[in-house]
Amino acid sequence: MKKTTLFVILSLTLALVGCNTVKGVGQDIQKAGEKIEGAAKK
């Protein structure tokens, strides 16, 4: 029982960390796109 609980907790932790990483990359790409768009309007 303890091993299963530990496995579930570790899996959820890794999933949350992965989601935050992907979200951060998406935000970086969005900011870069906004700068490119601003430069194109000039």
PDB file of N, CA and C in Angstrom:
ATOM      1  N   MET A   1       0.817  -1.198   0.000  1.00  0.00           N
ATOM      2  CA  MET A   1       0.000   0.000   0.000  1.00  0.00           C
ATOM      3  C   MET A   1       0.860   1.263   0.000  1.00  0.00           C
ATOM      4  N   LYS A   2       1.917   1.256   0.816  1.00  0.00           N
ATOM      5  CA  LYS A   2       2.781   2.425   0.890  1.00  0.00           C
ATOM      6  C   LYS A   2       3.493   2.675  -0.431  1.00  0.00           C
ATOM      7  N   LYS A   3       3.915   1.610  -1.098  1.00  0.00           N
ATOM      8  CA  LYS A   3       4.608   1.768  -2.375  1.00  0.00           C
ATOM      9  C   LYS A   3       3.677   2.348  -3.430  1.00  0.00           C
ATOM     10  N   THR A   4       2.443   1.907  -3.431  1.00  0.00           N
ATOM     11  CA  THR A   4       1.471   2.418  -4.401  1.00  0.00           C
ATOM     12  C   THR A   4       1.200   3.894  -4.160  1.00  0.00           C
ATOM     13  N   THR A   5       1.024   4.270  -2.916  1.00  0.00           N
ATOM     14  CA  THR A   5       0.771   5.671  -2.578  1.00  0.00           C
ATOM     15  C   THR A   5       1.960   6.535  -2.975  1.00  0.00           C
ATOM     16  N   LEU A   6       3.146   6.080  -2.669  1.00  0.00           N
ATOM     17  CA  LEU A   6       4.353   6.810  -3.023  1.00  0.00           C
ATOM     18  C   LEU A   6       4.466   6.954  -4.539  1.00  0.00           C
ATOM     19  N   PHE A   7       4.174   5.903  -5.270  1.00  0.00           N
ATOM     20  CA  PHE A   7       4.232   5.945  -6.723  1.00  0.00           C
ATOM     21  C   PHE A   7       3.235   6.963  -7.282  1.00  0.00           C
ATOM     22  N   VAL A   8       2.034   6.983  -6.740  1.00  0.00           N
ATOM     23  CA  VAL A   8       1.006   7.920  -7.210  1.00  0.00           C
ATOM     24  C   VAL A   8       1.431   9.362  -6.925  1.00  0.00           C
ATOM     25  N   ILE A   9       1.948   9.605  -5.745  1.00  0.00           N
ATOM     26  CA  ILE A   9       2.386  10.959  -5.387  1.00  0.00           C
ATOM     27  C   ILE A   9       3.529  11.420  -6.289  1.00  0.00           C
ATOM     28  N   LEU A  10       4.496  10.563  -6.519  1.00  0.00           N
ATOM     29  CA  LEU A  10       5.609  10.923  -7.394  1.00  0.00           C
ATOM     30  C   LEU A  10       5.141  11.161  -8.830  1.00  0.00           C
ATOM     31  N   SER A  11       4.225  10.344  -9.300  1.00  0.00           N
ATOM     32  CA  SER A  11       3.699  10.515 -10.658  1.00  0.00           C
ATOM     33  C   SER A  11       2.970  11.840 -10.806  1.00  0.00           C
ATOM     34  N   LEU A  12       2.151  12.183  -9.831  1.00  0.00           N
ATOM     35  CA  LEU A  12       1.429  13.452  -9.887  1.00  0.00           C
ATOM     36  C   LEU A  12       2.386  14.639  -9.823  1.00  0.00           C
ATOM     37  N   THR A  13       3.413  14.518  -9.004  1.00  0.00           N
ATOM     38  CA  THR A  13       4.402  15.586  -8.898  1.00  0.00           C
ATOM     39  C   THR A  13       5.114  15.796 -10.230  1.00  0.00           C
ATOM     40  N   LEU A  14       5.531  14.725 -10.853  1.00  0.00           N
ATOM     41  CA  LEU A  14       6.198  14.838 -12.151  1.00  0.00           C
ATOM     42  C   LEU A  14       5.268  15.405 -13.211  1.00  0.00           C
ATOM     43  N   ALA A  15       4.011  15.020 -13.190  1.00  0.00           N
ATOM     44  CA  ALA A  15       3.046  15.547 -14.158  1.00  0.00           C
ATOM     45  C   ALA A  15       2.860  17.046 -13.976  1.00  0.00           C
ATOM     46  N   LEU A  16       2.769  17.493 -12.731  1.00  0.00           N
ATOM     47  CA  LEU A  16       2.600  18.921 -12.475  1.00  0.00           C
ATOM     48  C   LEU A  16       3.827  19.713 -12.900  1.00  0.00           C
ATOM     49  N   VAL A  17       4.996  19.183 -12.633  1.00  0.00           N
ATOM     50  CA  VAL A  17       6.230  19.862 -13.035  1.00  0.00           C
ATOM     51  C   VAL A  17       6.299  19.946 -14.557  1.00  0.00           C
ATOM     52  N   GLY A  18       5.936  18.877 -15.229  1.00  0.00           N
ATOM     53  CA  GLY A  18       5.939  18.874 -16.685  1.00  0.00           C
ATOM     54  C   GLY A  18       4.967  19.884 -17.264  1.00  0.00           C
ATOM     55  N   CYS A  19       3.794  19.998 -16.678  1.00  0.00           N
ATOM     56  CA  CYS A  19       2.803  20.958 -17.156  1.00  0.00           C
ATOM     57  C   CYS A  19       3.309  22.383 -16.984  1.00  0.00           C
ATOM     58  N   ASN A  20       3.928  22.663 -15.860  1.00  0.00           N
ATOM     59  CA  ASN A  20       4.457  24.010 -15.637  1.00  0.00           C
ATOM     60  C   ASN A  20       5.561  24.333 -16.620  1.00  0.00           C
ATOM     61  N   THR A  21       6.378  23.365 -16.955  1.00  0.00           N
ATOM     62  CA  THR A  21       7.452  23.589 -17.910  1.00  0.00           C
ATOM     63  C   THR A  21       6.879  23.893 -19.285  1.00  0.00           C
ATOM     64  N   VAL A  22       5.917  23.120 -19.715  1.00  0.00           N
ATOM     65  CA  VAL A  22       5.302  23.345 -21.021  1.00  0.00           C
ATOM     66  C   VAL A  22       4.604  24.696 -21.047  1.00  0.00           C
ATOM     67  N   LYS A  23       3.942  25.048 -19.959  1.00  0.00           N
ATOM     68  CA  LYS A  23       3.266  26.341 -19.881  1.00  0.00           C
ATOM     69  C   LYS A  23       4.276  27.481 -20.000  1.00  0.00           C
ATOM     70  N   GLY A  24       5.400  27.348 -19.335  1.00  0.00           N
ATOM     71  CA  GLY A  24       6.442  28.372 -19.394  1.00  0.00           C
ATOM     72  C   GLY A  24       7.008  28.538 -20.792  1.00  0.00           C
ATOM     73  N   VAL A  25       7.222  27.438 -21.476  1.00  0.00           N
ATOM     74  CA  VAL A  25       7.727  27.496 -22.857  1.00  0.00           C
ATOM     75  C   VAL A  25       6.697  28.183 -23.737  1.00  0.00           C
ATOM     76  N   GLY A  26       5.430  27.862 -23.546  1.00  0.00           N
ATOM     77  CA  GLY A  26       4.366  28.498 -24.328  1.00  0.00           C
ATOM     78  C   GLY A  26       4.327  30.000 -24.117  1.00  0.00           C
ATOM     79  N   GLN A  27       4.514  30.430 -22.889  1.00  0.00           N
ATOM     80  CA  GLN A  27       4.531  31.862 -22.599  1.00  0.00           C
ATOM     81  C   GLN A  27       5.720  32.540 -23.254  1.00  0.00           C
ATOM     82  N   ASP A  28       6.885  31.894 -23.240  1.00  0.00           N
ATOM     83  CA  ASP A  28       8.074  32.459 -23.881  1.00  0.00           C
ATOM     84  C   ASP A  28       7.856  32.610 -25.381  1.00  0.00           C
ATOM     85  N   ILE A  29       7.274  31.605 -25.994  1.00  0.00           N
ATOM     86  CA  ILE A  29       7.018  31.661 -27.437  1.00  0.00           C
ATOM     87  C   ILE A  29       6.015  32.771 -27.744  1.00  0.00           C
ATOM     88  N   GLN A  30       5.009  32.916 -26.899  1.00  0.00           N
ATOM     89  CA  GLN A  30       4.016  33.964 -27.103  1.00  0.00           C
ATOM     90  C   GLN A  30       4.661  35.350 -27.024  1.00  0.00           C
ATOM     91  N   LYS A  31       5.526  35.560 -26.054  1.00  0.00           N
ATOM     92  CA  LYS A  31       6.200  36.856 -25.921  1.00  0.00           C
ATOM     93  C   LYS A  31       7.090  37.137 -27.123  1.00  0.00           C
ATOM     94  N   ALA A  32       7.792  36.115 -27.600  1.00  0.00           N
ATOM     95  CA  ALA A  32       8.640  36.293 -28.777  1.00  0.00           C
ATOM     96  C   ALA A  32       7.779  36.650 -29.990  1.00  0.00           C
ATOM     97  N   GLY A  33       6.633  36.003 -30.122  1.00  0.00           N
ATOM     98  CA  GLY A  33       5.728  36.300 -31.231  1.00  0.00           C
ATOM     99  C   GLY A  33       5.212  37.731 -31.172  1.00  0.00           C
ATOM    100  N   GLU A  34       4.926  38.211 -29.978  1.00  0.00           N
ATOM    101  CA  GLU A  34       4.463  39.583 -29.822  1.00  0.00           C
ATOM    102  C   GLU A  34       5.541  40.575 -30.234  1.00  0.00           C
ATOM    103  N   LYS A  35       6.790  40.302 -29.903  1.00  0.00           N
ATOM    104  CA  LYS A  35       7.886  41.197 -30.291  1.00  0.00           C
ATOM    105  C   LYS A  35       8.082  41.187 -31.801  1.00  0.00           C
ATOM    106  N   ILE A  36       7.972  40.024 -32.402  1.00  0.00           N
ATOM    107  CA  ILE A  36       8.101  39.934 -33.862  1.00  0.00           C
ATOM    108  C   ILE A  36       6.960  40.704 -34.520  1.00  0.00           C
ATOM    109  N   GLU A  37       5.765  40.558 -33.986  1.00  0.00           N
ATOM    110  CA  GLU A  37       4.605  41.266 -34.532  1.00  0.00           C
ATOM    111  C   GLU A  37       4.789  42.776 -34.407  1.00  0.00           C
ATOM    112  N   GLY A  38       5.303  43.224 -33.266  1.00  0.00           N
ATOM    113  CA  GLY A  38       5.561  44.652 -33.070  1.00  0.00           C
ATOM    114  C   GLY A  38       6.596  45.176 -34.043  1.00  0.00           C
ATOM    115  N   ALA A  39       7.624  44.391 -34.308  1.00  0.00           N
ATOM    116  CA  ALA A  39       8.665  44.811 -35.246  1.00  0.00           C
ATOM    117  C   ALA A  39       8.108  44.852 -36.671  1.00  0.00           C
ATOM    118  N   ALA A  40       7.212  43.947 -36.991  1.00  0.00           N
ATOM    119  CA  ALA A  40       6.640  43.923 -38.332  1.00  0.00           C
ATOM    120  C   ALA A  40       5.721  45.112 -38.587  1.00  0.00           C
ATOM    121  N   LYS A  41       5.096  45.623 -37.534  1.00  0.00           N
ATOM    122  CA  LYS A  41       4.197  46.779 -37.685  1.00  0.00           C
ATOM    123  C   LYS A  41       4.958  48.075 -37.924  1.00  0.00           C
ATOM    124  N   LYS A  42       6.239  48.118 -37.531  1.00  0.00           N
ATOM    125  CA  LYS A  42       7.039  49.346 -37.685  1.00  0.00           C
ATOM    126  C   LYS A  42       7.394  49.618 -39.090  1.00  0.00           C
TER     127      LYS A  42
END
